[in-house]
C-alpha cells in the first residue's frame, strides 16, 4: 500500500515504485540537499546538521531527516549513551547522488548573482 505517497505498482514485480517526480521532489527539497551534502562524508549528529543549516527549525529538521530515512537515503544510528547520541549517515544510494547535488550547488553558486540581477530586472518591468 502506498501510505499516501505517489508510489505506484512496479511493472516488474509486486513492489511499488515511486514516480520520478516524487523522488525528485524529495531529494530537491529546500533542506534535503543540504542534509544530503552534509551526511555524504560520514556520520553527522543532529546538532551538527542544525548548525550547518541556519534557518531550519528543529521540527523541520526532524521531519526532513525522517523522510530521507524513510526513503532509504539516510541511516540513523542511536548510540546507547546518556544522553543518547544520534548520528545520520548517507546511504550508498545517497552517496551516489552526491556528485549530482554537488554539481547543482556549484552551478547555483556560480549563477546566483545573475539570477538575482534577472529577478531585479524582471521586477522593475524590463520583461515587458
N, C-alpha and C. Protein backbone atom coordinates (compact mmCIF):
# COMPACT_ATOMS: atom_id res chain seq x y z
N UNK A 1 0.85 -1.18 0.00
CA UNK A 1 0.00 0.00 0.00
C UNK A 1 0.89 1.24 0.00
N UNK A 2 0.49 2.28 -0.65
CA UNK A 2 1.34 3.44 -0.87
C UNK A 2 1.44 4.39 0.32
N UNK A 3 0.58 4.28 1.33
CA UNK A 3 0.62 5.11 2.53
C UNK A 3 0.58 6.60 2.21
N UNK A 4 -0.20 7.00 1.21
CA UNK A 4 -0.41 8.41 0.96
C UNK A 4 0.68 9.09 0.16
N UNK A 5 1.52 8.34 -0.51
CA UNK A 5 2.53 8.99 -1.35
C UNK A 5 2.21 8.70 -2.80
N UNK A 6 3.08 9.09 -3.70
CA UNK A 6 2.80 8.88 -5.12
C UNK A 6 3.59 7.71 -5.69
N UNK A 7 3.62 6.62 -4.95
CA UNK A 7 4.25 5.41 -5.44
C UNK A 7 3.18 4.55 -6.10
N UNK A 8 3.58 3.87 -7.16
CA UNK A 8 2.64 3.09 -7.95
C UNK A 8 3.16 1.66 -8.08
N UNK A 9 2.29 0.68 -8.40
CA UNK A 9 2.78 -0.68 -8.57
C UNK A 9 3.89 -0.76 -9.62
N UNK A 10 4.94 -1.48 -9.27
CA UNK A 10 6.06 -1.67 -10.19
C UNK A 10 5.60 -2.58 -11.33
N UNK A 11 6.05 -2.27 -12.53
CA UNK A 11 5.66 -3.07 -13.69
C UNK A 11 6.27 -4.45 -13.67
N UNK A 12 7.36 -4.64 -12.93
CA UNK A 12 8.09 -5.91 -12.95
C UNK A 12 7.62 -6.84 -11.84
N UNK A 13 7.47 -6.34 -10.64
CA UNK A 13 7.14 -7.21 -9.52
C UNK A 13 5.94 -6.71 -8.76
N UNK A 14 5.80 -7.21 -7.54
CA UNK A 14 4.65 -6.83 -6.73
C UNK A 14 4.94 -5.61 -5.86
N UNK A 15 6.19 -5.15 -5.86
CA UNK A 15 6.54 -3.98 -5.07
C UNK A 15 6.02 -2.71 -5.73
N UNK A 16 6.09 -1.62 -5.00
CA UNK A 16 5.69 -0.34 -5.55
C UNK A 16 6.93 0.46 -5.92
N UNK A 17 6.83 1.27 -6.94
CA UNK A 17 7.90 2.17 -7.34
C UNK A 17 7.38 3.59 -7.27
N UNK A 18 8.16 4.47 -6.69
CA UNK A 18 7.76 5.87 -6.61
C UNK A 18 7.91 6.51 -7.99
N UNK A 19 7.09 7.50 -8.25
CA UNK A 19 7.21 8.20 -9.52
C UNK A 19 8.51 9.01 -9.52
N UNK A 20 9.00 9.32 -10.69
CA UNK A 20 10.23 10.12 -10.81
C UNK A 20 10.04 11.47 -10.13
N UNK A 21 8.88 12.08 -10.32
CA UNK A 21 8.62 13.38 -9.70
C UNK A 21 8.61 13.30 -8.19
N UNK A 22 8.11 12.19 -7.64
CA UNK A 22 8.10 12.00 -6.19
C UNK A 22 9.54 11.93 -5.67
N UNK A 23 10.37 11.16 -6.33
CA UNK A 23 11.77 11.02 -5.91
C UNK A 23 12.51 12.35 -6.05
N UNK A 24 12.34 13.02 -7.19
CA UNK A 24 13.00 14.31 -7.39
C UNK A 24 12.52 15.34 -6.37
N UNK A 25 11.25 15.31 -6.06
CA UNK A 25 10.71 16.22 -5.06
C UNK A 25 11.35 16.02 -3.70
N UNK A 26 11.61 14.79 -3.34
CA UNK A 26 12.23 14.50 -2.04
C UNK A 26 13.68 14.99 -2.00
N UNK A 27 14.45 14.66 -3.01
CA UNK A 27 15.88 14.98 -2.95
C UNK A 27 16.17 16.44 -3.28
N UNK A 28 15.20 17.14 -3.87
CA UNK A 28 15.44 18.54 -4.21
C UNK A 28 14.74 19.49 -3.25
N UNK A 29 14.22 18.96 -2.17
CA UNK A 29 13.54 19.81 -1.20
C UNK A 29 14.47 20.86 -0.62
N UNK A 30 13.89 21.92 -0.11
CA UNK A 30 14.65 23.07 0.39
C UNK A 30 15.78 22.64 1.33
N UNK A 31 15.51 21.72 2.24
CA UNK A 31 16.50 21.32 3.23
C UNK A 31 17.19 20.00 2.89
N UNK A 32 16.59 19.20 2.04
CA UNK A 32 17.13 17.87 1.73
C UNK A 32 18.52 17.93 1.13
N UNK A 33 18.74 18.85 0.20
CA UNK A 33 20.04 18.93 -0.47
C UNK A 33 21.14 19.19 0.56
N UNK A 34 20.92 20.15 1.43
CA UNK A 34 21.93 20.46 2.46
C UNK A 34 22.20 19.29 3.37
N UNK A 35 21.15 18.60 3.79
CA UNK A 35 21.32 17.44 4.67
C UNK A 35 22.10 16.34 3.96
N UNK A 36 21.74 16.06 2.73
CA UNK A 36 22.43 15.01 1.97
C UNK A 36 23.89 15.38 1.73
N UNK A 37 24.17 16.66 1.47
CA UNK A 37 25.55 17.10 1.27
C UNK A 37 26.35 16.95 2.57
N UNK A 38 25.76 17.29 3.69
CA UNK A 38 26.45 17.21 4.98
C UNK A 38 26.74 15.77 5.41
N UNK A 39 25.84 14.86 5.10
CA UNK A 39 25.98 13.48 5.56
C UNK A 39 26.75 12.59 4.60
N UNK A 40 27.11 13.10 3.45
CA UNK A 40 27.76 12.26 2.43
C UNK A 40 29.16 11.82 2.82
N UNK A 41 29.81 12.53 3.71
CA UNK A 41 31.21 12.22 4.04
C UNK A 41 31.37 11.51 5.37
N UNK A 42 30.27 11.15 5.99
CA UNK A 42 30.36 10.43 7.26
C UNK A 42 29.26 10.86 8.20
N UNK A 43 29.23 10.21 9.35
CA UNK A 43 28.16 10.48 10.32
C UNK A 43 28.15 11.93 10.79
N UNK A 44 26.94 12.46 10.93
CA UNK A 44 26.74 13.82 11.44
C UNK A 44 25.66 13.75 12.50
N UNK A 45 25.90 14.40 13.61
CA UNK A 45 24.91 14.45 14.68
C UNK A 45 23.83 15.47 14.36
N UNK A 46 22.70 15.31 15.00
CA UNK A 46 21.55 16.20 14.81
C UNK A 46 21.97 17.66 15.00
N UNK A 47 22.70 17.92 16.08
CA UNK A 47 23.10 19.30 16.37
C UNK A 47 24.07 19.83 15.31
N UNK A 48 24.90 18.97 14.75
CA UNK A 48 25.79 19.38 13.67
C UNK A 48 25.01 19.78 12.43
N UNK A 49 23.96 19.03 12.12
CA UNK A 49 23.11 19.38 10.99
C UNK A 49 22.37 20.69 11.25
N UNK A 50 21.93 20.85 12.47
CA UNK A 50 21.21 22.06 12.84
C UNK A 50 22.11 23.29 12.67
N UNK A 51 23.37 23.18 13.08
CA UNK A 51 24.32 24.29 12.94
C UNK A 51 24.67 24.54 11.47
N UNK A 52 24.72 23.48 10.67
CA UNK A 52 25.12 23.60 9.26
C UNK A 52 24.04 24.24 8.40
N UNK A 53 22.81 24.30 8.91
CA UNK A 53 21.69 24.84 8.12
C UNK A 53 20.96 25.94 8.87
N UNK A 54 21.52 27.14 8.84
CA UNK A 54 20.87 28.26 9.52
C UNK A 54 19.46 28.46 8.97
N UNK A 55 18.54 28.69 9.88
CA UNK A 55 17.17 28.97 9.46
C UNK A 55 16.23 27.78 9.53
N UNK A 56 16.77 26.58 9.65
CA UNK A 56 15.89 25.40 9.74
C UNK A 56 15.42 25.26 11.19
N UNK A 57 14.15 24.98 11.35
CA UNK A 57 13.63 24.74 12.70
C UNK A 57 13.93 23.30 13.10
N UNK A 58 13.93 23.04 14.37
CA UNK A 58 14.16 21.66 14.85
C UNK A 58 13.09 20.72 14.30
N UNK A 59 11.86 21.21 14.26
CA UNK A 59 10.76 20.38 13.74
C UNK A 59 10.96 20.05 12.27
N UNK A 60 11.35 21.04 11.46
CA UNK A 60 11.56 20.80 10.03
C UNK A 60 12.76 19.88 9.82
N UNK A 61 13.81 20.06 10.61
CA UNK A 61 14.97 19.17 10.51
C UNK A 61 14.57 17.74 10.84
N UNK A 62 13.81 17.57 11.89
CA UNK A 62 13.35 16.23 12.28
C UNK A 62 12.50 15.61 11.18
N UNK A 63 11.55 16.36 10.63
CA UNK A 63 10.68 15.83 9.57
C UNK A 63 11.48 15.47 8.32
N UNK A 64 12.42 16.33 7.94
CA UNK A 64 13.22 16.08 6.74
C UNK A 64 14.10 14.85 6.95
N UNK A 65 14.73 14.74 8.11
CA UNK A 65 15.55 13.57 8.41
C UNK A 65 14.72 12.29 8.36
N UNK A 66 13.54 12.34 8.95
CA UNK A 66 12.66 11.17 8.96
C UNK A 66 12.27 10.76 7.54
N UNK A 67 11.93 11.74 6.70
CA UNK A 67 11.55 11.44 5.32
C UNK A 67 12.73 10.86 4.52
N UNK A 68 13.92 11.43 4.71
CA UNK A 68 15.09 10.91 3.99
C UNK A 68 15.45 9.51 4.47
N UNK A 69 15.26 9.26 5.75
CA UNK A 69 15.49 7.90 6.28
C UNK A 69 14.45 6.93 5.72
N UNK A 70 13.21 7.35 5.69
CA UNK A 70 12.12 6.51 5.15
C UNK A 70 12.37 6.14 3.69
N UNK A 71 12.94 7.09 2.93
CA UNK A 71 13.21 6.86 1.51
C UNK A 71 14.51 6.11 1.26
N UNK A 72 15.21 5.72 2.32
CA UNK A 72 16.42 4.94 2.15
C UNK A 72 17.65 5.76 1.81
N UNK A 73 17.60 7.06 2.07
CA UNK A 73 18.73 7.94 1.76
C UNK A 73 19.62 8.22 2.96
N UNK A 74 19.10 8.02 4.16
CA UNK A 74 19.87 8.21 5.39
C UNK A 74 19.74 6.99 6.29
N UNK A 75 20.81 6.73 7.03
CA UNK A 75 20.76 5.74 8.10
C UNK A 75 20.88 6.49 9.41
N UNK A 76 20.04 6.13 10.35
CA UNK A 76 20.03 6.76 11.67
C UNK A 76 20.60 5.77 12.66
N UNK A 77 21.60 6.20 13.42
CA UNK A 77 22.22 5.34 14.42
C UNK A 77 22.09 6.01 15.78
N UNK A 78 21.51 5.27 16.73
CA UNK A 78 21.37 5.76 18.09
C UNK A 78 22.41 5.04 18.94
N UNK A 79 23.31 5.80 19.55
CA UNK A 79 24.33 5.24 20.43
C UNK A 79 23.80 5.24 21.86
N UNK A 80 23.91 4.11 22.55
CA UNK A 80 23.34 3.99 23.90
C UNK A 80 24.19 4.72 24.95
N UNK A 81 24.16 6.02 24.90
CA UNK A 81 24.86 6.84 25.89
C UNK A 81 23.83 7.68 26.62
N UNK A 82 24.26 8.38 27.64
CA UNK A 82 23.36 9.28 28.36
C UNK A 82 23.92 10.69 28.23
N UNK A 83 23.23 11.60 27.55
CA UNK A 83 22.01 11.35 26.78
C UNK A 83 22.34 10.58 25.50
N UNK A 84 21.33 9.98 24.86
CA UNK A 84 21.58 9.21 23.64
C UNK A 84 22.19 10.10 22.56
N UNK A 85 23.15 9.55 21.85
CA UNK A 85 23.79 10.27 20.74
C UNK A 85 23.23 9.69 19.45
N UNK A 86 22.67 10.56 18.61
CA UNK A 86 22.07 10.13 17.35
C UNK A 86 22.90 10.69 16.20
N UNK A 87 23.25 9.81 15.27
CA UNK A 87 24.02 10.23 14.10
C UNK A 87 23.29 9.81 12.84
N UNK A 88 23.49 10.61 11.79
CA UNK A 88 22.89 10.34 10.49
C UNK A 88 24.01 10.21 9.47
N UNK A 89 23.88 9.18 8.63
CA UNK A 89 24.87 8.92 7.59
C UNK A 89 24.13 8.67 6.28
N UNK A 90 24.68 9.20 5.19
CA UNK A 90 24.11 8.95 3.87
C UNK A 90 24.28 7.48 3.51
N UNK A 91 23.27 6.91 2.91
CA UNK A 91 23.37 5.52 2.42
C UNK A 91 24.15 5.51 1.11
N UNK A 92 24.44 4.33 0.62
CA UNK A 92 25.13 4.20 -0.66
C UNK A 92 24.35 4.90 -1.77
N UNK A 93 23.03 4.75 -1.75
CA UNK A 93 22.19 5.39 -2.76
C UNK A 93 22.35 6.92 -2.69
N UNK A 94 22.38 7.48 -1.49
CA UNK A 94 22.54 8.93 -1.34
C UNK A 94 23.95 9.37 -1.72
N UNK A 95 24.96 8.55 -1.41
CA UNK A 95 26.33 8.92 -1.80
C UNK A 95 26.48 8.94 -3.31
N UNK A 96 25.75 8.08 -4.00
CA UNK A 96 25.75 8.10 -5.47
C UNK A 96 25.17 9.43 -5.98
N UNK A 97 24.22 9.95 -5.28
CA UNK A 97 23.57 11.21 -5.64
C UNK A 97 24.46 12.42 -5.36
N UNK A 98 25.43 12.27 -4.47
CA UNK A 98 26.25 13.39 -4.01
C UNK A 98 26.88 14.17 -5.16
N UNK A 99 27.50 13.51 -6.11
CA UNK A 99 28.17 14.22 -7.21
C UNK A 99 27.20 15.11 -7.97
N UNK A 100 26.00 14.63 -8.18
CA UNK A 100 25.00 15.40 -8.90
C UNK A 100 24.55 16.61 -8.08
N UNK A 101 24.35 16.41 -6.78
CA UNK A 101 23.96 17.52 -5.92
C UNK A 101 25.09 18.54 -5.80
N UNK A 102 26.33 18.05 -5.75
CA UNK A 102 27.48 18.96 -5.69
C UNK A 102 27.54 19.81 -6.95
N UNK A 103 27.32 19.19 -8.11
CA UNK A 103 27.30 19.94 -9.36
C UNK A 103 26.19 20.97 -9.39
N UNK A 104 25.03 20.59 -8.91
CA UNK A 104 23.89 21.51 -8.86
C UNK A 104 24.17 22.68 -7.94
N UNK A 105 24.72 22.42 -6.76
CA UNK A 105 25.01 23.51 -5.84
C UNK A 105 26.14 24.41 -6.37
N UNK A 106 27.11 23.84 -7.05
CA UNK A 106 28.17 24.65 -7.65
C UNK A 106 27.60 25.54 -8.76
N UNK A 107 26.70 24.98 -9.56
CA UNK A 107 26.05 25.77 -10.61
C UNK A 107 25.28 26.94 -9.98
N UNK A 108 24.52 26.64 -8.91
CA UNK A 108 23.74 27.68 -8.23
C UNK A 108 24.65 28.77 -7.67
N UNK A 109 25.78 28.37 -7.13
CA UNK A 109 26.72 29.35 -6.58
C UNK A 109 27.29 30.23 -7.69
N UNK A 110 27.63 29.64 -8.83
CA UNK A 110 28.18 30.40 -9.96
C UNK A 110 27.17 31.38 -10.53
N UNK A 111 25.90 31.05 -10.50
CA UNK A 111 24.89 31.86 -11.19
C UNK A 111 23.96 32.64 -10.27
N UNK A 112 24.20 32.61 -8.97
CA UNK A 112 23.27 33.27 -8.06
C UNK A 112 23.20 34.78 -8.26
N UNK A 113 24.32 35.40 -8.61
CA UNK A 113 24.32 36.84 -8.87
C UNK A 113 23.52 37.16 -10.13
N UNK A 114 23.70 36.34 -11.17
CA UNK A 114 22.95 36.55 -12.42
C UNK A 114 21.46 36.34 -12.20
N UNK A 115 21.11 35.37 -11.39
CA UNK A 115 19.69 35.12 -11.10
C UNK A 115 19.10 36.31 -10.35
N UNK A 116 19.85 36.83 -9.38
CA UNK A 116 19.36 38.00 -8.62
C UNK A 116 19.18 39.19 -9.55
N UNK A 117 20.11 39.41 -10.47
CA UNK A 117 20.01 40.53 -11.42
C UNK A 117 18.81 40.34 -12.35
N UNK A 118 18.60 39.12 -12.80
CA UNK A 118 17.46 38.84 -13.68
C UNK A 118 16.14 39.08 -12.95
N UNK A 119 16.08 38.67 -11.68
CA UNK A 119 14.87 38.91 -10.90
C UNK A 119 14.60 40.41 -10.75
N UNK A 120 15.66 41.15 -10.45
CA UNK A 120 15.51 42.59 -10.27
C UNK A 120 15.04 43.25 -11.56
N UNK A 121 15.63 42.86 -12.69
CA UNK A 121 15.23 43.41 -13.98
C UNK A 121 13.76 43.07 -14.28
N UNK A 122 13.37 41.84 -14.00
CA UNK A 122 12.00 41.41 -14.22
C UNK A 122 11.04 42.22 -13.36
N UNK A 123 11.37 42.34 -12.09
CA UNK A 123 10.51 43.07 -11.16
C UNK A 123 10.42 44.54 -11.49
N UNK A 124 11.46 45.10 -12.10
CA UNK A 124 11.46 46.51 -12.48
C UNK A 124 10.72 46.74 -13.80
N UNK A 125 10.18 45.70 -14.39
CA UNK A 125 9.39 45.84 -15.60
C UNK A 125 10.15 45.69 -16.88
N UNK A 126 11.38 45.27 -16.82
CA UNK A 126 12.18 45.10 -18.03
C UNK A 126 11.72 43.92 -18.87
N UNK A 127 10.85 43.10 -18.36
CA UNK A 127 10.38 41.91 -19.09
C UNK A 127 9.29 42.22 -20.10
N UNK A 128 8.76 43.43 -20.09
CA UNK A 128 7.62 43.77 -20.95
C UNK A 128 8.02 44.06 -22.34
